Structure formats: C-alpha cells, structure tokens
Amino acid sequence: MVGMRIGMLTSGGDAPGLNAVIRGAVVTGQRVFDHEFIGFKNGWKGVTDPTWMPLGREEVKGIAKLGGTILGTSRTNPFDYGGADRVREVMAELSLDAIIAIGGEGTLAGAKELTDQGIPIVGVPKTVDNDLNGTDYTFGFDTAVSIATDAMDRLRTTGDAHSRCMVAEVMGRNVGWIALHSGIAAGAHLILIPEKPTSLEEISHWVNHAAGRGRAPLVVVAEGFRLDSMDEAHSERGLDAFGRPRLGGIGQILAPLIEEVTGIETRATTLGHIQRGGTPSAYDRVLATRFGMAAIHAVNNKSWGRMVSLRGTDIHLVDFGEALGALKVVPNERYEEAALLFG
C-alpha cells in the first residue's frame, strides 16, 4: 500500500485518552503502512483557519499516559467557517487524503455532514459522558467515574464527621451514566439522573431513611437531572457552539431544598472539570489506543462516514448515523437495579 497523508484533530470537550488515540494511530500508521500525519490544532478551528503540527514518532513519544490533548481542542463548528468547501480547500493545500476526527456528539455530527458532502473522514468516539450510541463505551468515561468515586469517598468522610447530607454533582450532560456508575461505586444513598425526573418528596424520603439508620446521606446528581416539577434541566450559562445548553448547578439548587424539607444540614459539591482532567485510567489508555489503531485500518479501507466502536470486547465500525440518531440513555432496568441499594 502506498502511504497516505492523514490529518487528525481532537474536537469538543477534552477527555482522558485523547493522546493515546493519537499515539495509537500514528505509530500504527507509520510503522505498518508508511502513512504521514499532521495534527490540526484546536479542533475544526485548526482546519478552517489552518494551524497544524507534524505528527511523527517523536511528537507522540510517551503521550499515552497524559491527560488533555497535545493538539488542543475547541467547540468550533466547521459550518460557521466555510463548511465542506473550506475543508476541501485546506485538504488540497496540505495534500491530505483523509481526516481522522476524534470527538463526541457535536464533533461527529459535523463530521457526518462533511462526509455527506464528500469529505473523507473516519471518526473516533470520545466523551466522558458515555452518551454516544453505536459503542458500548467511550474512552474517558472510566477515568471520569474513577475520579468521581474517589471524590465521593472523601465527601462521605467529612459528611460522617458532621452528620451532614452531602450532594455530589457530576457531569454527564443529558444522560446519567457517570452518576449511576460512580454512585454505585461510592455506595450513594440516592442517585438522581436525567432519565428519571424525581420529586422532592421522594428525595427527602431516601435522605431521611439513610439518616434514620445513623448514616450521613450521600446524594449523587447528574448535571442534567431535573425535579419532576421542572420543565427542563438547569442551565444558566447559555449555549455552546453546537447550540446545546451548558448544564450545571443543579446540586446547588437541591442542597437547600433538601435541608429545608428534612432539617438535615446539607452541602453541595460540584465536581466539574476535575472529572475530565489528569491521567487516564489503564482501561481508557488501552481502549483509546485500540480505537486509534482501528481508525487507521478504517482509513486504509476508505470507510468514510464511519466511526470505530466497542461492542463487547471487540472493535467494530458503525455509520455516523447509527451513533448520532439518539443519545444512549440509562435503561430503566439499570436504574431500578441501582435503586435497590438506596436509603
């Protein structure tokens, strides 16, 4: 096979494991297929306003263990800056044969639209939220859950010391995967997720139940959760570049309400971006590396408009449309399973 020239980018929110994807793709592509790589800086922004760096063995040396991304990222929408025509023009200027786009829902939605207009793109799914269809897990999720669990273990000790109710708000956007997994791992007394709007009365029931057993209640809430009296998830920071609400702050709303109805002193902690920072877990490093390697094979086969995915323990290819048709939400049976441990 004649070596190809491939551009790579990381777009959207950062996630632990991005650098491992880059390394897996570059090492495999260069060593096995003699491909040449460049990395666009700051997501689609670096494509539409060309800013890039060479990606060779020296540039990816030792980066798999690093958080963040050596390429930088942004939430730039390529269709705000010339769309497919501009991307095609830049690819011609740089003699690129293909682009590997590493990102989440917004990134891959843009990639699908570009592919539909003839741009040769292969996708790699990335999100700590684990909300993309078409793949069982995304890299970054395991690390986020581990960080959240560690934080909750610490919150429980200070809660126990003061007999307080502790509310821990985690990321997840409109799905509750991080809340569900970290809540179970930390032994939370209540887990609140977007898929299951809940009344303040039911929340107070479980908080009182835990306190009645002599425990300091731990409530885990996903940022996209809403009380059954709320019309939509709490958002006070406007929209991102892809038109999606920036969520966050529900924990600070819940804490005084819980204290008011239960009489138990309650504190809220928003874990925020620490869930996305730091070194990726071993699981995420391995999954991300496998995704990067698989993306090269997809490029070799000219599988444009498809992304790599995990099914069981095997890597597959799925169409962008399969991943983007709807969010992968927490099934009711999974939540009910966790609910057996509440209180």
Protein backbone atom coordinates (compact mmCIF):
# COMPACT_ATOMS: atom_id res chain seq x y z
CA MET A 1 0.00 0.00 0.00
CA VAL A 2 1.24 3.47 -0.89
CA GLY A 3 1.47 5.66 2.22
CA MET A 4 -1.26 8.23 2.73
CA ARG A 5 -1.16 11.70 4.24
CA ILE A 6 -3.67 11.95 7.07
CA GLY A 7 -4.83 14.88 9.18
CA MET A 8 -6.01 14.33 12.76
CA LEU A 9 -7.95 16.57 15.09
CA THR A 10 -9.42 16.49 18.58
CA SER A 11 -12.61 18.50 18.98
CA GLY A 12 -15.22 19.26 21.62
CA GLY A 13 -14.66 18.71 25.32
CA ASP A 14 -11.37 17.12 26.32
CA ALA A 15 -11.29 13.58 27.71
CA PRO A 16 -8.58 11.42 29.26
CA GLY A 17 -7.29 9.15 26.48
CA LEU A 18 -7.17 11.58 23.56
CA ASN A 19 -3.39 11.42 23.41
CA ALA A 20 -3.47 7.62 23.47
CA VAL A 21 -5.69 7.66 20.37
CA ILE A 22 -3.24 9.94 18.58
CA ARG A 23 -0.29 7.76 19.52
CA GLY A 24 -2.04 4.51 18.55
CA ALA A 25 -2.94 5.91 15.13
CA VAL A 26 0.43 7.49 14.37
CA VAL A 27 2.57 4.54 15.47
CA THR A 28 0.42 2.02 13.60
CA GLY A 29 0.09 4.19 10.51
CA GLN A 30 3.78 4.97 10.23
CA ARG A 31 5.25 1.63 11.23
CA VAL A 32 2.87 -0.65 9.35
CA PHE A 33 1.66 1.43 6.38
CA ASP A 34 4.20 4.23 5.97
CA HIS A 35 1.49 6.88 6.39
CA GLU A 36 2.35 10.50 7.13
CA PHE A 37 0.41 12.52 9.70
CA ILE A 38 -0.28 16.10 10.62
CA GLY A 39 -2.29 17.27 13.60
CA PHE A 40 -4.70 20.18 13.31
CA LYS A 41 -4.61 22.40 16.38
CA ASN A 42 -7.72 23.29 18.36
CA GLY A 43 -10.23 21.08 16.60
CA TRP A 44 -12.09 22.21 13.49
CA LYS A 45 -10.76 25.71 14.11
CA GLY A 46 -7.32 24.49 13.07
CA VAL A 47 -8.79 23.06 9.86
CA THR A 48 -10.79 26.05 8.70
CA ASP A 49 -8.05 28.50 9.70
CA PRO A 50 -5.12 26.18 9.05
CA THR A 51 -2.93 25.72 12.09
CA TRP A 52 -1.18 22.40 12.36
CA MET A 53 1.87 20.48 13.50
CA PRO A 54 3.67 17.41 12.15
CA LEU A 55 2.80 14.18 13.93
CA GLY A 56 5.59 11.64 13.95
CA ARG A 57 7.07 9.16 16.36
CA GLU A 58 8.95 11.90 18.18
CA GLU A 59 5.83 14.02 18.71
CA VAL A 60 3.80 11.12 20.16
CA LYS A 61 6.55 9.65 22.30
CA GLY A 62 5.27 8.95 25.82
CA ILE A 63 1.96 10.78 25.43
CA ALA A 64 -0.44 7.86 26.07
CA LYS A 65 -0.29 8.47 29.82
CA LEU A 66 -1.00 12.19 29.53
CA GLY A 67 -4.41 13.78 30.00
CA GLY A 68 -5.74 16.53 27.74
CA THR A 69 -4.58 16.59 24.13
CA ILE A 70 -1.31 17.70 22.55
CA LEU A 71 -3.35 19.11 19.66
CA GLY A 72 -5.60 21.30 21.76
CA THR A 73 -9.36 21.36 21.27
CA SER A 74 -12.30 23.69 20.79
CA ARG A 75 -16.04 23.53 20.18
CA THR A 76 -15.72 25.20 16.78
CA ASN A 77 -18.44 24.31 14.28
CA PRO A 78 -16.80 23.98 10.83
CA PHE A 79 -20.01 25.12 9.14
CA ASP A 80 -19.61 28.52 10.75
CA TYR A 81 -16.35 28.92 8.81
CA GLY A 82 -16.94 27.75 5.26
CA GLY A 83 -18.07 24.16 5.79
CA ALA A 84 -17.18 21.44 3.32
CA ASP A 85 -15.84 23.82 0.67
CA ARG A 86 -13.32 25.28 3.09
CA VAL A 87 -12.28 21.88 4.46
CA ARG A 88 -11.83 20.54 0.92
CA GLU A 89 -9.72 23.56 0.01
CA VAL A 90 -7.43 23.13 3.03
CA MET A 91 -7.06 19.39 2.41
CA ALA A 92 -5.95 20.14 -1.14
CA GLU A 93 -3.45 22.75 0.04
CA LEU A 94 -1.93 20.28 2.51
CA SER A 95 -2.17 17.26 0.17
CA LEU A 96 -4.29 15.30 2.64
CA ASP A 97 -6.02 12.06 1.72
CA ALA A 98 -8.23 11.79 4.80
CA ILE A 99 -9.11 13.23 8.20
CA ILE A 100 -9.49 11.34 11.47
CA ALA A 101 -11.88 13.31 13.69
CA ILE A 102 -11.79 12.44 17.39
CA GLY A 103 -14.75 13.84 19.28
CA GLY A 104 -18.20 13.46 20.75
CA GLU A 105 -21.74 14.10 19.60
CA GLY A 106 -21.22 17.61 18.24
CA THR A 107 -17.92 16.77 16.54
CA LEU A 108 -19.24 13.63 14.90
CA ALA A 109 -22.45 15.34 13.80
CA GLY A 110 -20.29 17.89 11.97
CA ALA A 111 -18.12 15.09 10.58
CA LYS A 112 -21.20 13.30 9.26
CA GLU A 113 -22.42 16.40 7.46
CA LEU A 114 -18.97 16.95 5.96
CA THR A 115 -18.76 13.31 4.86
CA ASP A 116 -22.19 13.58 3.27
CA GLN A 117 -20.69 16.38 1.15
CA GLY A 118 -17.75 14.26 0.04
CA ILE A 119 -15.05 14.88 2.68
CA PRO A 120 -13.18 11.62 3.53
CA ILE A 121 -13.48 11.32 7.32
CA VAL A 122 -13.22 8.49 9.83
CA GLY A 123 -14.45 9.14 13.37
CA VAL A 124 -13.27 8.13 16.81
CA PRO A 125 -15.91 8.48 19.58
CA LYS A 126 -14.83 10.49 22.59
CA THR A 127 -16.90 11.60 25.56
CA VAL A 128 -16.65 11.19 29.30
CA ASP A 129 -20.47 11.13 29.31
CA ASN A 130 -20.68 7.75 27.51
CA ASP A 131 -23.79 9.01 25.71
CA LEU A 132 -22.95 8.01 22.13
CA ASN A 133 -24.94 5.24 20.52
CA GLY A 134 -23.13 2.67 18.42
CA THR A 135 -20.48 1.90 21.04
CA ASP A 136 -20.72 0.19 24.41
CA TYR A 137 -18.19 2.54 26.00
CA THR A 138 -16.21 5.63 25.08
CA PHE A 139 -12.74 6.33 26.41
CA GLY A 140 -12.66 8.94 29.16
CA PHE A 141 -15.74 7.53 30.88
CA ASP A 142 -13.84 5.08 33.08
CA THR A 143 -11.46 7.80 34.24
CA ALA A 144 -14.30 10.23 34.99
CA VAL A 145 -16.12 7.59 37.03
CA SER A 146 -12.94 6.74 38.96
CA ILE A 147 -12.26 10.41 39.77
CA ALA A 148 -15.87 10.99 40.83
CA THR A 149 -15.85 7.88 43.00
CA ASP A 150 -12.67 8.99 44.77
CA ALA A 151 -14.17 12.43 45.41
CA MET A 152 -17.33 10.89 46.84
CA ASP A 153 -15.32 8.65 49.15
CA ARG A 154 -13.79 11.83 50.53
CA LEU A 155 -17.15 13.60 50.78
CA ARG A 156 -18.52 10.72 52.82
CA THR A 157 -15.84 11.06 55.49
CA THR A 158 -16.49 14.78 56.01
CA GLY A 159 -20.23 14.16 55.86
CA ASP A 160 -19.91 11.48 58.53
CA ALA A 161 -17.90 13.83 60.74
CA HIS A 162 -20.67 16.45 60.76
CA SER A 163 -23.73 14.21 60.22
CA ARG A 164 -24.45 16.18 57.08
CA CYS A 165 -26.14 15.25 53.85
CA MET A 166 -23.66 15.64 51.01
CA VAL A 167 -24.82 16.30 47.44
CA ALA A 168 -22.26 15.49 44.74
CA GLU A 169 -22.98 16.84 41.25
CA VAL A 170 -21.24 15.04 38.40
CA MET A 171 -21.03 15.56 34.65
CA GLY A 172 -22.99 13.64 32.04
CA ARG A 173 -24.99 16.24 30.13
CA ASN A 174 -28.38 14.67 29.36
CA VAL A 175 -27.57 11.13 30.49
CA GLY A 176 -26.81 9.60 33.87
CA TRP A 177 -24.03 7.10 33.19
CA ILE A 178 -21.35 8.82 35.28
CA ALA A 179 -23.80 9.38 38.14
CA LEU A 180 -25.01 5.77 38.01
CA HIS A 181 -21.59 4.13 37.96
CA SER A 182 -19.86 6.44 40.44
CA GLY A 183 -22.90 6.44 42.72
CA ILE A 184 -22.98 2.65 42.89
CA ALA A 185 -19.21 2.51 43.39
CA ALA A 186 -19.32 5.05 46.23
CA GLY A 187 -22.32 3.46 47.93
CA ALA A 188 -24.54 6.52 47.45
CA HIS A 189 -27.86 6.56 49.26
CA LEU A 190 -29.60 8.15 46.27
CA ILE A 191 -28.69 8.62 42.61
CA LEU A 192 -30.53 11.21 40.53
CA ILE A 193 -30.26 11.04 36.73
CA PRO A 194 -31.83 12.91 33.79
CA GLU A 195 -33.65 9.80 32.62
CA LYS A 196 -35.63 9.67 35.88
CA PRO A 197 -37.20 13.00 37.00
CA THR A 198 -37.88 12.67 40.72
CA SER A 199 -39.99 14.56 43.25
CA LEU A 200 -38.54 16.41 46.21
CA GLU A 201 -40.79 14.25 48.39
CA GLU A 202 -39.13 11.06 47.15
CA ILE A 203 -35.66 12.57 47.57
CA SER A 204 -36.43 13.55 51.16
CA HIS A 205 -37.76 10.04 51.82
CA TRP A 206 -34.44 8.41 50.92
CA VAL A 207 -32.36 11.07 52.69
CA ASN A 208 -34.39 10.61 55.87
CA HIS A 209 -34.22 6.84 55.50
CA ALA A 210 -30.41 6.92 55.39
CA ALA A 211 -30.19 9.40 58.26
CA GLY A 212 -32.58 7.23 60.30
CA ARG A 213 -30.05 4.40 60.06
CA GLY A 214 -27.41 6.70 61.50
CA ARG A 215 -25.77 7.43 58.16
CA ALA A 216 -24.72 10.76 56.68
CA PRO A 217 -26.68 10.69 53.40
CA LEU A 218 -24.77 10.91 50.11
CA VAL A 219 -26.84 12.06 47.13
CA VAL A 220 -25.29 11.84 43.66
CA VAL A 221 -26.90 14.01 40.99
CA ALA A 222 -26.12 14.23 37.27
CA GLU A 223 -25.86 17.79 35.91
CA GLY A 224 -28.79 17.15 33.55
CA PHE A 225 -31.19 15.95 36.28
CA ARG A 226 -34.42 17.81 36.88
CA LEU A 227 -37.04 17.60 39.56
CA ASP A 228 -40.40 16.42 38.31
CA SER A 229 -41.63 19.99 38.87
CA MET A 230 -39.03 21.41 36.43
CA ASP A 231 -39.69 21.78 32.71
CA GLU A 232 -36.02 21.42 31.70
CA ALA A 233 -32.57 20.83 33.12
CA HIS A 234 -30.92 23.72 34.95
CA SER A 235 -28.76 25.85 32.69
CA GLU A 236 -27.66 29.43 33.24
CA ARG A 237 -24.58 29.68 31.01
CA GLY A 238 -26.14 29.86 27.55
CA LEU A 239 -25.42 27.60 24.59
CA ASP A 240 -22.23 26.05 23.22
CA ALA A 241 -21.06 26.33 19.60
CA PHE A 242 -23.30 23.44 18.59
CA GLY A 243 -26.39 25.04 20.11
CA ARG A 244 -26.58 22.83 23.20
CA PRO A 245 -27.30 24.24 26.70
CA ARG A 246 -24.32 24.41 29.06
CA LEU A 247 -25.60 22.47 32.04
CA GLY A 248 -24.56 22.65 35.67
CA GLY A 249 -25.61 23.91 39.09
CA ILE A 250 -28.47 21.57 39.96
CA GLY A 251 -26.61 20.38 43.06
CA GLN A 252 -26.55 23.90 44.48
CA ILE A 253 -30.31 24.14 43.90
CA LEU A 254 -31.07 20.79 45.51
CA ALA A 255 -28.98 21.20 48.67
CA PRO A 256 -31.06 23.99 50.31
CA LEU A 257 -34.29 22.27 49.27
CA ILE A 258 -33.19 19.02 50.90
CA GLU A 259 -32.15 20.86 54.06
CA GLU A 260 -35.47 22.69 54.19
CA VAL A 261 -37.67 19.60 53.89
CA THR A 262 -35.55 17.20 56.01
CA GLY A 263 -33.99 19.52 58.59
CA ILE A 264 -30.62 17.87 57.88
CA GLU A 265 -27.70 20.22 57.23
CA THR A 266 -26.83 19.76 53.56
CA ARG A 267 -23.84 20.78 51.46
CA ALA A 268 -23.35 20.54 47.69
CA THR A 269 -20.13 19.95 45.77
CA THR A 270 -19.88 20.28 42.00
CA LEU A 271 -17.04 18.08 40.80
CA GLY A 272 -16.90 19.76 37.39
CA HIS A 273 -13.86 19.61 35.17
CA ILE A 274 -11.66 17.60 37.53
CA GLN A 275 -13.55 14.61 36.11
CA ARG A 276 -12.01 15.31 32.70
CA GLY A 277 -8.51 16.18 33.84
CA GLY A 278 -5.43 14.25 34.87
CA THR A 279 -4.01 10.97 33.71
CA PRO A 280 -6.32 8.44 32.01
CA SER A 281 -7.02 5.12 33.68
CA ALA A 282 -5.34 1.98 32.35
CA TYR A 283 -8.67 0.91 30.82
CA ASP A 284 -9.04 4.19 28.95
CA ARG A 285 -5.44 4.10 27.72
CA VAL A 286 -5.97 0.63 26.26
CA LEU A 287 -9.37 1.40 24.71
CA ALA A 288 -8.14 4.69 23.24
CA THR A 289 -5.05 3.03 21.78
CA ARG A 290 -7.17 0.30 20.18
CA PHE A 291 -9.52 2.95 18.75
CA GLY A 292 -6.57 4.83 17.21
CA MET A 293 -5.18 1.67 15.64
CA ALA A 294 -8.60 0.67 14.30
CA ALA A 295 -9.11 4.13 12.80
CA ILE A 296 -6.05 3.58 10.61
CA HIS A 297 -7.47 0.35 9.23
CA ALA A 298 -10.74 2.18 8.53
CA VAL A 299 -8.84 4.86 6.59
CA ASN A 300 -6.96 2.18 4.65
CA ASN A 301 -10.30 0.65 3.66
CA LYS A 302 -11.74 4.09 2.79
CA SER A 303 -14.58 3.55 5.26
CA TRP A 304 -15.61 7.20 5.13
CA GLY A 305 -18.53 8.30 7.26
CA ARG A 306 -17.93 5.59 9.82
CA MET A 307 -16.54 5.54 13.33
CA VAL A 308 -14.76 2.91 15.36
CA SER A 309 -16.75 1.45 18.25
CA LEU A 310 -16.57 -1.08 21.05
CA ARG A 311 -19.01 -3.98 21.06
CA GLY A 312 -18.32 -6.30 23.95
CA THR A 313 -14.54 -6.54 23.81
CA ASP A 314 -14.22 -6.22 20.02
CA ILE A 315 -13.69 -3.13 17.86
CA HIS A 316 -16.20 -2.60 15.04
CA LEU A 317 -17.12 0.11 12.55
CA VAL A 318 -20.53 1.81 12.57
CA ASP A 319 -22.04 4.56 10.43
CA PHE A 320 -22.06 8.05 11.90
CA GLY A 321 -25.84 7.98 11.66
CA GLU A 322 -26.07 4.98 13.96
CA ALA A 323 -24.09 6.81 16.60
CA LEU A 324 -25.99 10.09 16.26
CA GLY A 325 -29.60 9.02 15.88
CA ALA A 326 -30.32 9.37 19.61
CA LEU A 327 -28.45 9.61 22.89
CA LYS A 328 -27.53 6.37 24.66
CA VAL A 329 -29.52 6.75 27.86
CA VAL A 330 -29.50 4.71 31.05
CA PRO A 331 -32.12 1.95 30.65
CA ASN A 332 -34.81 1.87 33.30
CA GLU A 333 -33.80 -1.62 34.40
CA ARG A 334 -30.27 -0.44 35.14
CA TYR A 335 -31.59 2.38 37.30
CA GLU A 336 -34.03 0.13 39.12
CA GLU A 337 -31.15 -2.25 39.82
CA ALA A 338 -29.23 0.58 41.50
CA ALA A 339 -32.35 1.78 43.31
CA LEU A 340 -32.43 -1.44 45.33
CA LEU A 341 -29.42 -0.03 47.20
CA PHE A 342 -30.90 3.40 48.00
CA GLY A 343 -31.54 4.66 51.54
